[in-house]
Protein backbone atom coordinates (compact mmCIF):
# COMPACT_ATOMS: atom_id res chain seq x y z
CA MET A 1 0.00 0.00 0.00
CA ALA A 2 1.26 3.51 -0.82
CA ALA A 3 2.50 5.80 1.95
CA ALA A 4 -0.08 8.12 3.52
CA LYS A 5 -0.38 11.61 2.07
CA ARG A 6 -1.09 14.71 4.15
CA THR A 7 -4.04 17.11 4.38
CA THR A 8 -4.19 20.10 6.73
CA THR A 9 -7.29 21.85 7.97
CA ILE A 10 -8.01 24.87 10.15
CA ILE A 11 -11.23 24.77 12.17
CA ASP A 12 -12.20 27.89 14.11
CA ARG A 13 -15.37 28.28 16.15
CA GLU A 14 -15.86 31.70 14.53
CA TYR A 15 -15.92 30.28 10.96
CA ARG A 16 -19.67 29.71 11.22
CA VAL A 17 -21.78 28.65 8.24
CA GLY A 18 -25.11 28.32 10.01
CA GLU A 19 -27.29 26.33 12.36
CA VAL A 20 -28.25 22.83 11.21
CA ASP A 21 -32.00 22.48 10.71
CA PRO A 22 -32.81 18.87 11.73
CA ARG A 23 -34.91 18.58 8.56
CA ILE A 24 -31.69 18.45 6.55
CA TYR A 25 -31.66 14.78 7.62
CA GLY A 26 -35.06 14.12 6.06
CA SER A 27 -36.07 11.32 3.74
CA PHE A 28 -38.79 10.48 1.25
CA LEU A 29 -41.42 7.78 0.79
CA GLU A 30 -43.39 7.58 -2.44
CA HIS A 31 -46.08 5.15 -3.46
CA LEU A 32 -43.54 3.51 -5.74
CA GLY A 33 -42.34 -0.09 -5.90
CA ARG A 34 -42.01 -1.66 -2.45
CA ALA A 35 -41.33 1.58 -0.59
CA VAL A 36 -44.69 1.55 1.19
CA TYR A 37 -46.20 -1.89 0.51
CA GLY A 38 -43.65 -4.47 1.64
CA GLY A 39 -41.35 -1.72 2.94
CA ILE A 40 -42.98 0.03 5.87
CA TYR A 41 -46.39 -1.68 5.58
CA GLU A 42 -46.96 -5.43 5.42
CA PRO A 43 -49.94 -6.88 7.31
CA GLY A 44 -49.22 -10.46 8.21
CA HIS A 45 -45.49 -9.90 8.60
CA PRO A 46 -44.17 -11.43 11.84
CA THR A 47 -43.33 -7.94 13.14
CA ALA A 48 -46.50 -6.15 11.93
CA ASP A 49 -48.16 -3.83 14.44
CA ASP A 50 -51.90 -3.34 14.93
CA GLU A 51 -52.16 -1.22 11.77
CA GLY A 52 -50.03 -3.52 9.59
CA PHE A 53 -46.75 -1.58 9.71
CA ARG A 54 -43.51 -3.52 10.04
CA ARG A 55 -41.92 -2.91 13.43
CA ASP A 56 -38.50 -4.06 12.18
CA THR A 57 -38.51 -1.39 9.48
CA THR A 58 -39.80 1.25 11.89
CA GLU A 59 -36.95 0.51 14.31
CA LEU A 60 -34.37 0.90 11.54
CA VAL A 61 -35.95 4.23 10.52
CA ARG A 62 -35.65 5.38 14.12
CA GLU A 63 -32.03 4.18 14.24
CA LEU A 64 -31.28 6.05 11.01
CA GLY A 65 -32.40 9.23 12.76
CA VAL A 66 -34.86 10.57 10.17
CA PRO A 67 -36.88 13.45 11.67
CA PHE A 68 -38.78 14.44 8.51
CA ILE A 69 -40.35 12.41 5.67
CA ARG A 70 -41.70 13.73 2.38
CA TYR A 71 -44.87 11.93 1.20
CA PRO A 72 -46.59 10.62 -1.03
CA GLY A 73 -44.46 11.63 -4.02
CA GLY A 74 -42.69 12.14 -6.25
CA ASN A 75 -44.05 11.56 -9.73
CA PHE A 76 -46.89 9.60 -8.12
CA VAL A 77 -48.43 12.71 -6.55
CA SER A 78 -49.11 14.41 -9.89
CA GLY A 79 -51.92 11.92 -10.58
CA TYR A 80 -52.98 11.19 -6.99
CA ASN A 81 -56.42 11.84 -5.51
CA TRP A 82 -55.79 12.09 -1.76
CA GLU A 83 -59.43 11.32 -1.03
CA ASP A 84 -58.86 7.77 -2.35
CA GLY A 85 -56.66 7.04 0.68
CA VAL A 86 -58.99 8.06 3.51
CA GLY A 87 -62.06 6.45 5.04
CA PRO A 88 -62.82 2.73 5.38
CA ALA A 89 -60.00 0.74 3.81
CA ASP A 90 -62.35 -1.84 2.27
CA ARG A 91 -64.12 0.88 0.27
CA ARG A 92 -61.04 2.52 -1.21
CA PRO A 93 -60.62 2.31 -4.98
CA ARG A 94 -57.80 0.61 -6.86
CA ARG A 95 -56.28 3.09 -9.31
CA LEU A 96 -53.87 2.83 -12.21
CA ASP A 97 -50.77 4.83 -11.31
CA LEU A 98 -49.59 6.27 -14.62
CA ALA A 99 -46.31 7.56 -13.17
CA TRP A 100 -44.90 4.09 -12.51
CA ARG A 101 -47.40 1.90 -14.45
CA THR A 102 -48.54 0.01 -11.37
CA VAL A 103 -51.82 -0.51 -9.52
CA GLU A 104 -52.32 1.58 -6.37
CA PRO A 105 -54.63 -0.20 -3.87
CA ASN A 106 -54.75 2.76 -1.45
CA TRP A 107 -54.24 0.56 1.61
CA VAL A 108 -52.15 3.36 3.13
CA GLY A 109 -53.26 6.98 2.95
CA VAL A 110 -52.91 10.25 4.81
CA ASN A 111 -54.05 9.12 8.26
CA GLU A 112 -52.22 5.81 8.34
CA PHE A 113 -49.01 7.38 7.11
CA ALA A 114 -49.14 10.27 9.57
CA ARG A 115 -49.69 7.89 12.48
CA TRP A 116 -46.81 5.68 11.31
CA ALA A 117 -44.47 8.67 10.92
CA LYS A 118 -45.20 9.67 14.52
CA ARG A 119 -44.22 6.16 15.67
CA ALA A 120 -41.04 6.44 13.59
CA GLY A 121 -40.15 9.75 15.26
CA ALA A 122 -40.66 11.88 12.15
CA GLU A 123 -42.85 14.75 11.03
CA VAL A 124 -44.61 14.58 7.67
CA ASN A 125 -43.74 16.79 4.70
CA MET A 126 -46.95 16.52 2.64
CA SER A 127 -46.98 16.98 -1.13
CA VAL A 128 -50.07 18.23 -2.97
CA ASN A 129 -51.08 17.34 -6.52
CA LEU A 130 -50.61 20.34 -8.82
CA GLY A 131 -50.57 18.09 -11.91
CA THR A 132 -54.09 16.82 -12.54
CA ARG A 133 -55.52 18.88 -9.67
CA GLY A 134 -55.08 22.35 -8.22
CA PRO A 135 -55.68 24.89 -5.44
CA GLU A 136 -59.12 23.57 -4.45
CA GLU A 137 -57.92 20.04 -3.67
CA ALA A 138 -54.77 21.40 -2.00
CA ARG A 139 -56.62 23.65 0.42
CA ASN A 140 -59.10 20.86 1.19
CA LEU A 141 -56.21 18.57 2.15
CA VAL A 142 -54.76 21.23 4.48
CA GLU A 143 -58.19 21.58 6.09
CA TYR A 144 -58.54 17.80 6.44
CA CYS A 145 -55.08 17.44 8.01
CA ASN A 146 -54.69 20.56 10.13
CA HIS A 147 -58.03 22.17 11.03
CA PRO A 148 -59.16 21.08 14.52
CA ALA A 149 -62.91 20.62 13.93
CA GLY A 150 -66.13 22.29 12.88
CA SER A 151 -65.66 22.29 9.10
CA ALA A 152 -66.62 19.78 6.43
CA TRP A 153 -63.15 18.36 5.82
CA SER A 154 -61.95 18.42 9.44
CA ASP A 155 -65.17 16.76 10.58
CA LEU A 156 -64.69 14.12 7.89
CA ARG A 157 -61.23 13.38 9.32
CA ILE A 158 -62.80 12.95 12.75
CA ALA A 159 -65.46 10.66 11.25
CA HIS A 160 -62.59 8.60 9.83
CA GLY A 161 -61.32 7.96 13.37
CA GLN A 162 -58.64 10.66 13.53
CA ARG A 163 -59.87 13.15 16.13
CA GLU A 164 -56.65 15.11 16.59
CA PRO A 165 -55.38 17.14 13.62
CA HIS A 166 -52.04 16.08 12.18
CA ARG A 167 -50.68 19.64 12.29
CA ILE A 168 -48.43 19.11 9.26
CA ARG A 169 -46.06 22.06 9.07
CA THR A 170 -44.26 21.74 5.71
CA TRP A 171 -45.98 21.26 2.34
CA CYS A 172 -44.65 20.76 -1.20
CA LEU A 173 -46.46 22.51 -4.06
CA GLY A 174 -46.34 19.62 -6.53
CA ASN A 175 -43.36 17.70 -7.85
CA GLU A 176 -40.92 18.22 -10.75
CA MET A 177 -43.44 20.20 -12.76
CA ASP A 178 -40.73 21.19 -15.27
CA GLY A 179 -40.30 17.54 -16.35
CA PRO A 180 -41.99 16.38 -19.57
CA TRP A 181 -42.32 12.96 -17.87
CA GLN A 182 -44.58 14.52 -15.24
CA ILE A 183 -48.35 13.99 -15.39
CA SER A 184 -49.77 17.39 -16.45
CA HIS A 185 -46.32 18.90 -16.98
CA LYS A 186 -46.44 22.70 -16.97
CA THR A 187 -44.41 25.58 -18.29
CA ALA A 188 -42.75 27.83 -15.74
CA GLU A 189 -45.44 30.46 -16.24
CA GLU A 190 -48.24 27.93 -15.82
CA TYR A 191 -46.71 26.40 -12.73
CA GLY A 192 -45.82 29.77 -11.20
CA ARG A 193 -49.43 30.89 -11.45
CA VAL A 194 -51.04 27.72 -10.07
CA ALA A 195 -48.45 27.42 -7.28
CA THR A 196 -49.12 31.01 -6.24
CA GLU A 197 -52.88 30.51 -6.09
CA ALA A 198 -52.52 27.18 -4.24
CA ALA A 199 -50.13 28.77 -1.75
CA LYS A 200 -52.55 31.60 -1.02
CA VAL A 201 -55.56 29.40 -0.22
CA MET A 202 -53.50 26.82 1.69
CA LYS A 203 -52.16 29.54 3.97
CA TRP A 204 -55.60 31.10 4.33
CA VAL A 205 -56.72 27.76 5.79
CA ASP A 206 -53.63 27.46 8.02
CA PRO A 207 -51.31 30.51 8.21
CA THR A 208 -48.72 28.54 10.21
CA ILE A 209 -47.63 26.22 7.36
CA GLU A 210 -44.46 26.55 5.30
CA LEU A 211 -44.39 25.89 1.57
CA VAL A 212 -41.86 24.47 -0.90
CA ALA A 213 -42.11 25.49 -4.56
CA CYS A 214 -40.77 23.27 -7.34
CA GLY A 215 -37.39 24.19 -8.71
CA SER A 216 -35.79 22.40 -11.64
CA SER A 217 -35.84 18.59 -11.59
CA ASN A 218 -32.06 18.69 -12.00
CA SER A 219 -29.37 21.10 -13.09
CA HIS A 220 -29.13 19.53 -16.54
CA MET A 221 -32.65 20.55 -17.60
CA ALA A 222 -32.60 22.80 -20.67
CA THR A 223 -34.74 25.32 -18.76
CA PHE A 224 -32.41 25.56 -15.73
CA PRO A 225 -32.09 28.12 -14.11
CA ASP A 226 -34.59 30.18 -16.08
CA TRP A 227 -37.34 27.96 -14.62
CA GLU A 228 -36.40 29.09 -11.11
CA ALA A 229 -36.38 32.75 -12.11
CA VAL A 230 -39.79 32.65 -13.82
CA VAL A 231 -41.46 30.59 -11.07
CA LEU A 232 -40.06 32.79 -8.31
CA ASP A 233 -41.22 35.90 -10.12
CA HIS A 234 -44.73 34.64 -9.35
CA VAL A 235 -44.41 32.84 -6.04
CA TYR A 236 -41.48 34.42 -4.18
CA GLU A 237 -43.49 36.15 -1.43
CA HIS A 238 -45.80 33.14 -0.90
CA VAL A 239 -43.28 30.34 -0.19
CA GLU A 240 -40.39 29.71 2.17
CA TYR A 241 -38.36 27.17 0.16
CA LEU A 242 -37.42 26.21 -3.39
CA SER A 243 -36.74 22.55 -4.19
CA LEU A 244 -33.71 20.94 -5.82
CA HIS A 245 -33.42 17.33 -7.03
CA SER A 246 -30.32 15.42 -8.14
CA TYR A 247 -29.25 11.80 -8.49
CA TYR A 248 -25.78 10.50 -9.32
CA GLY A 249 -24.55 7.31 -10.95
CA ASN A 250 -21.38 5.49 -11.95
CA THR A 251 -22.40 3.91 -15.23
CA ASP A 252 -18.85 4.31 -16.60
CA ASN A 253 -17.35 2.47 -13.61
CA ASP A 254 -14.98 5.39 -13.00
CA THR A 255 -14.59 5.64 -9.23
CA GLY A 256 -12.55 8.85 -9.23
CA ASN A 257 -15.05 10.71 -11.39
CA PHE A 258 -18.02 9.26 -9.50
CA LEU A 259 -16.72 10.36 -6.10
CA ALA A 260 -16.17 13.88 -7.46
CA LYS A 261 -19.86 14.35 -8.27
CA SER A 262 -20.52 16.17 -5.02
CA LEU A 263 -18.86 19.11 -6.80
CA ASP A 264 -21.82 19.07 -9.19
CA MET A 265 -24.22 19.27 -6.23
CA ASP A 266 -22.24 22.19 -4.82
CA ALA A 267 -22.42 24.09 -8.12
CA PHE A 268 -26.16 23.36 -8.38
CA ILE A 269 -26.79 24.77 -4.91
CA ARG A 270 -24.71 27.89 -5.56
CA THR A 271 -26.55 28.62 -8.81
CA VAL A 272 -29.98 28.27 -7.19
CA ILE A 273 -28.94 30.51 -4.29
CA ALA A 274 -27.77 33.14 -6.79
CA THR A 275 -31.08 32.92 -8.67
CA CYS A 276 -33.10 33.26 -5.46
CA ASP A 277 -31.07 36.28 -4.42
CA PHE A 278 -31.49 37.86 -7.86
CA LEU A 279 -35.27 37.59 -7.47
CA ARG A 280 -35.01 39.04 -3.98
CA ALA A 281 -33.20 42.04 -5.41
CA LYS A 282 -35.59 42.33 -8.35
CA LYS A 283 -38.59 42.39 -6.01
CA ARG A 284 -36.91 44.69 -3.47
CA SER A 285 -37.81 42.05 -0.91
CA LYS A 286 -36.45 41.71 2.61
CA LYS A 287 -37.22 37.99 2.60
CA THR A 288 -34.50 35.35 2.24
CA LEU A 289 -35.62 32.20 0.42
CA TYR A 290 -34.22 28.90 1.67
CA LEU A 291 -33.61 25.66 -0.18
CA SER A 292 -35.17 22.22 0.12
CA PHE A 293 -32.94 19.59 -1.53
CA ASP A 294 -35.80 17.14 -1.18
CA GLU A 295 -34.55 14.42 -3.54
CA TRP A 296 -30.92 13.35 -3.58
CA ASN A 297 -29.06 10.04 -3.71
CA VAL A 298 -27.10 7.58 -5.84
CA TRP A 299 -29.34 5.94 -8.45
CA PHE A 300 -28.21 3.83 -11.39
CA HIS A 301 -27.87 0.18 -10.39
CA SER A 302 -31.48 -0.87 -10.98
CA HIS A 303 -32.16 0.64 -14.43
CA ASP A 304 -31.82 -2.62 -16.39
CA ALA A 305 -33.92 -4.63 -13.92
CA ASP A 306 -36.67 -2.00 -13.95
CA ARG A 307 -37.07 -2.31 -17.71
CA ARG A 308 -38.05 -5.98 -17.27
CA ILE A 309 -40.90 -5.35 -14.79
CA GLU A 310 -44.36 -6.14 -16.17
CA PRO A 311 -46.79 -3.22 -15.79
CA TRP A 312 -49.94 -2.97 -13.68
CA SER A 313 -49.02 -5.04 -10.64
CA VAL A 314 -49.16 -3.97 -6.97
CA ALA A 315 -45.82 -3.04 -5.39
CA PRO A 316 -43.36 -4.58 -7.89
CA PRO A 317 -39.62 -4.45 -7.02
CA LEU A 318 -38.80 -1.15 -8.75
CA LEU A 319 -35.64 0.96 -8.26
CA GLU A 320 -34.09 -1.53 -5.84
CA ASP A 321 -30.47 -0.42 -6.06
CA VAL A 322 -27.98 -2.53 -4.08
CA TYR A 323 -25.38 -0.10 -2.78
CA THR A 324 -21.61 -0.49 -2.56
CA LEU A 325 -18.91 1.08 -0.43
CA GLU A 326 -18.15 3.66 -3.11
CA ASP A 327 -21.85 4.60 -3.19
CA ALA A 328 -21.67 5.18 0.57
CA LEU A 329 -18.61 7.38 0.10
CA LEU A 330 -20.42 9.59 -2.41
CA VAL A 331 -23.43 9.77 -0.08
CA GLY A 332 -20.97 10.95 2.58
CA CYS A 333 -19.60 13.62 0.23
CA LEU A 334 -23.15 14.74 -0.61
CA LEU A 335 -24.00 15.03 3.11
CA ILE A 336 -20.87 17.12 3.64
CA THR A 337 -21.90 19.37 0.74
CA LEU A 338 -25.40 19.88 2.16
CA LEU A 339 -23.95 20.75 5.56
CA ARG A 340 -21.53 23.24 4.03
CA HIS A 341 -24.61 25.11 2.80
CA ALA A 342 -26.54 24.86 6.07
CA ASP A 343 -27.11 28.62 6.05
CA ARG A 344 -29.45 28.21 3.05
CA VAL A 345 -30.23 24.47 2.75
CA LYS A 346 -32.67 23.89 5.59
CA ILE A 347 -34.44 20.79 4.25
CA ALA A 348 -32.99 17.77 2.46
CA CYS A 349 -34.51 14.35 1.80
CA ILE A 350 -32.49 11.30 0.84
CA ALA A 351 -34.61 9.52 -1.75
CA GLN A 352 -35.91 7.19 -0.76
CA LEU A 353 -36.19 5.55 2.66
CA VAL A 354 -37.04 1.86 2.21
CA ASN A 355 -36.37 -0.53 -0.74
CA VAL A 356 -36.60 2.13 -3.47
CA ILE A 357 -33.04 3.56 -3.89
CA ALA A 358 -32.89 3.38 -0.11
CA PRO A 359 -30.64 2.91 2.92
CA ILE A 360 -33.02 0.24 4.28
CA MET A 361 -33.97 -2.96 2.45
CA THR A 362 -36.61 -5.54 3.31
CA GLU A 363 -37.71 -8.95 2.15
CA ASN A 364 -41.46 -9.58 1.95
CA GLY A 365 -42.21 -11.82 4.90
CA GLY A 366 -38.54 -11.75 5.87
CA PRO A 367 -35.89 -9.54 7.44
CA ALA A 368 -34.97 -5.88 7.06
CA TRP A 369 -31.33 -4.79 6.80
CA LYS A 370 -28.97 -1.85 6.41
CA GLN A 371 -27.42 -0.93 3.08
CA THR A 372 -23.95 0.64 2.96
CA ILE A 373 -25.41 4.15 2.59
CA PHE A 374 -27.28 3.71 5.88
CA TYR A 375 -24.14 4.41 7.90
CA PRO A 376 -22.90 7.84 6.74
CA PHE A 377 -26.47 9.14 6.90
CA MET A 378 -26.97 7.72 10.41
CA HIS A 379 -23.68 9.21 11.60
CA ALA A 380 -24.45 12.65 10.18
CA SER A 381 -27.93 12.68 11.70
CA ALA A 382 -26.68 11.49 15.09
CA PHE A 383 -23.60 13.71 15.38
CA GLY A 384 -24.22 16.55 12.92
CA ARG A 385 -26.47 18.69 15.11
CA GLY A 386 -25.43 22.19 16.08
CA VAL A 387 -23.54 24.89 14.17
CA VAL A 388 -21.67 24.07 10.97
CA LEU A 389 -18.11 25.36 10.93
CA ASP A 390 -16.39 25.81 7.59
CA PRO A 391 -12.95 24.20 7.70
CA VAL A 392 -10.13 25.59 5.60
CA VAL A 393 -8.90 22.37 3.96
CA ARG A 394 -5.63 22.09 2.06
CA SER A 395 -5.66 18.72 0.38
CA PRO A 396 -3.83 17.14 -2.54
CA LYS A 397 -6.05 17.21 -5.63
CA TYR A 398 -6.74 15.25 -8.79
CA ASP A 399 -8.53 15.70 -12.09
CA SER A 400 -11.23 13.38 -13.42
CA LYS A 401 -13.16 13.07 -16.66
CA GLU A 402 -15.71 15.72 -15.68
CA PHE A 403 -14.02 17.65 -12.87
CA THR A 404 -10.76 19.44 -12.17
CA ASP A 405 -9.04 20.20 -8.86
CA VAL A 406 -10.95 17.59 -6.91
CA PRO A 407 -9.66 17.47 -3.31
CA PHE A 408 -8.85 13.97 -2.12
CA VAL A 409 -10.32 14.94 1.26
CA GLU A 410 -13.82 16.41 1.58
CA ALA A 411 -14.61 17.62 5.10
CA VAL A 412 -16.93 19.66 7.29
CA ALA A 413 -17.25 20.20 11.05
CA VAL A 414 -20.33 20.59 13.27
CA HIS A 415 -20.00 22.16 16.72
CA ASP A 416 -22.52 21.28 19.43
CA GLU A 417 -21.87 24.11 21.87
CA LYS A 418 -24.17 22.76 24.57
CA ALA A 419 -22.60 19.28 24.56
CA ARG A 420 -19.11 20.74 24.01
CA THR A 421 -18.43 18.39 21.15
CA LEU A 422 -17.06 18.86 17.66
CA SER A 423 -17.82 16.31 14.95
CA LEU A 424 -15.59 16.27 11.89
CA PHE A 425 -16.98 14.38 8.88
CA ALA A 426 -14.40 13.52 6.23
CA VAL A 427 -14.16 11.37 3.10
CA ASN A 428 -10.82 10.26 1.69
CA ARG A 429 -11.33 9.78 -2.05
CA ASP A 430 -7.81 8.48 -2.63
CA PRO A 431 -7.99 4.92 -4.03
CA GLU A 432 -4.32 4.20 -3.30
CA ALA A 433 -3.30 5.59 0.05
CA GLY A 434 -4.39 6.70 3.46
CA MET A 435 -4.35 10.41 4.28
CA GLU A 436 -2.87 11.99 7.39
CA LEU A 437 -5.29 14.71 8.50
CA ASP A 438 -3.68 17.43 10.60
CA CYS A 439 -6.33 19.64 12.26
CA ASP A 440 -5.51 23.05 13.69
CA LEU A 441 -8.41 23.69 16.09
CA ARG A 442 -7.68 27.32 16.85
CA GLY A 443 -10.24 28.99 19.08
CA PHE A 444 -10.71 25.87 21.21
CA GLU A 445 -8.75 25.81 24.43
CA ARG A 446 -8.78 22.06 24.90
CA VAL A 447 -9.64 19.14 22.64
CA ARG A 448 -9.79 15.41 23.23
CA ILE A 449 -10.54 12.60 20.79
CA LEU A 450 -13.71 10.78 21.85
CA GLU A 451 -13.80 8.35 18.95
CA HIS A 452 -12.83 7.90 15.32
CA ILE A 453 -15.41 5.92 13.30
CA VAL A 454 -14.42 4.55 9.89
CA LEU A 455 -16.47 3.01 7.10
CA ASP A 456 -14.22 1.25 4.57
CA HIS A 457 -13.56 -2.07 2.84
CA ALA A 458 -10.78 -3.57 0.74
CA ASP A 459 -13.23 -3.86 -2.17
CA PRO A 460 -14.97 -0.59 -3.15
CA LYS A 461 -17.71 -2.68 -4.82
CA ALA A 462 -18.54 -4.55 -1.59
CA SER A 463 -22.20 -4.44 -0.54
CA ASN A 464 -24.48 -5.67 2.23
CA THR A 465 -27.10 -8.42 2.07
CA LYS A 466 -29.87 -9.70 4.32
CA SER A 467 -27.42 -12.23 5.76
CA ALA A 468 -24.10 -10.34 5.77
CA GLN A 469 -23.14 -6.81 6.79
CA ASN A 470 -19.95 -6.78 4.75
CA VAL A 471 -19.60 -3.00 4.93
CA LYS A 472 -20.13 -1.60 8.41
CA PRO A 473 -18.47 0.96 10.67
CA ARG A 474 -15.46 0.15 12.78
CA SER A 475 -13.57 1.99 15.47
CA ALA A 476 -10.16 3.31 14.43
CA GLY A 477 -7.33 4.07 16.84
CA GLY A 478 -4.04 5.86 16.51
CA GLY A 479 -5.22 9.45 16.56
CA LYS A 480 -3.34 12.07 18.58
CA ALA A 481 -4.53 15.23 20.33
CA ASP A 482 -1.91 17.72 21.46
CA GLY A 483 -3.11 21.07 22.73
CA GLY A 484 -5.17 22.60 19.95
CA ARG A 485 -4.07 20.15 17.28
CA VAL A 486 -5.46 16.75 16.31
CA THR A 487 -3.88 14.28 13.90
CA VAL A 488 -5.66 11.22 12.55
CA THR A 489 -5.20 8.93 9.56
CA LEU A 490 -8.04 8.55 7.08
CA PRO A 491 -7.80 5.13 5.38
CA ARG A 492 -7.98 4.92 1.59
CA LEU A 493 -11.51 5.21 0.20
CA SER A 494 -13.15 5.84 3.56
CA TRP A 495 -15.90 7.73 5.35
CA ASN A 496 -14.72 9.07 8.70
CA VAL A 497 -16.33 10.59 11.77
CA ILE A 498 -13.88 12.14 14.23
CA ARG A 499 -15.72 13.10 17.40
CA LEU A 500 -13.95 15.49 19.75
CA GLU A 501 -14.54 17.00 23.12
CA ALA A 502 -13.87 20.67 22.37
CA VAL A 503 -13.88 23.37 25.02
């Protein structure tokens, strides 16, 4: 093995990016594949609770530390009638879902999902259908979910057995409406108008809610970022967040280029921030718009298998990517990127949560288990609470097919002032050698290494199965703290969490 290289970083408690909103560790569940049916919900499963939800999956969701879940879509929501999923389950209709060419039985709807999310320790981020439907159905759903009683829709919720309102705080105004694949795709002008009118009536029903408007489906859309500018020209003063979506793959089997793709996410975020701030200036507004990166992940493994799925079945195995170590490393880099923009990115949702491009996998009637990407997300959610500090990192760099000046080490630090801890998250992209990380922790009087957690494997293509956790975290030793300096070694191709007592 090659000798370790050296990276230096300066971390100062005054180099503050912003407070971490816990919703940055959100996730997403769509009525797609086995995400809901067979994922979180499976009556008859040995662990099923009284409503049919799998307790084994619920416990893994709680362990993952997901405080916020976007629901019910996704492409699915643009053709969804929310009324189909409420009331007596035996009277609910079976519908053709045109988004994914499956049959939706409506066994799980608004009330069941909201109750499950509460058990899983998460709040619901509800999406409304602005594809085939509009402001009327959106405001009715807010009334059904959030109004206490004494109106037609709130009294219907009570009649359905849900006396207490769900009090859903955050709502998405449709999904990927710029995409030609979307049911009732709209131009930016069309979407900007309908989103504005929906936002107005939704907030008239419940002024306490926060709203997310659709940004571009990804940064490679021909309309990006003009879509953002046109939509925000309509809706800027009516919403709190603008959405971003991005998925990354390694179809060329080029690890170096693949692990550099967090640079694409960073550029995407910076461009959307600039566009939001341009609209703020144009409107002479005092309001700062924040970002909701409510779909992000690695997604490419399952494309061939998905093409072979016969249409019009219930809960077929769609988008079931099996993740590798290198996928987990990119997920770690993407988490670091989101945290480095914590001043503006307040919501983020790894897509999705169970079975469908997910950190958690299940077998129908069988076990649930952790994919490789489970671990960096769990670590970030557990230890990445507090104030993000922006480290000055001087790392050796490399060039790849799509990117230049890629640092071998990607890093960010989160300071929990109350607990007096500092968590440093770092990925070593170097495929050949370990990296000595020399941290100058100026501004802290005393530091002590609490633990150094490493996720690595000799084979970057290693993955986990229901019977073998081949890729899992381990404790690393050998670090040194001396006054205000800490030195640790980051193994080749590794995700690292260095937890420090910092006073």
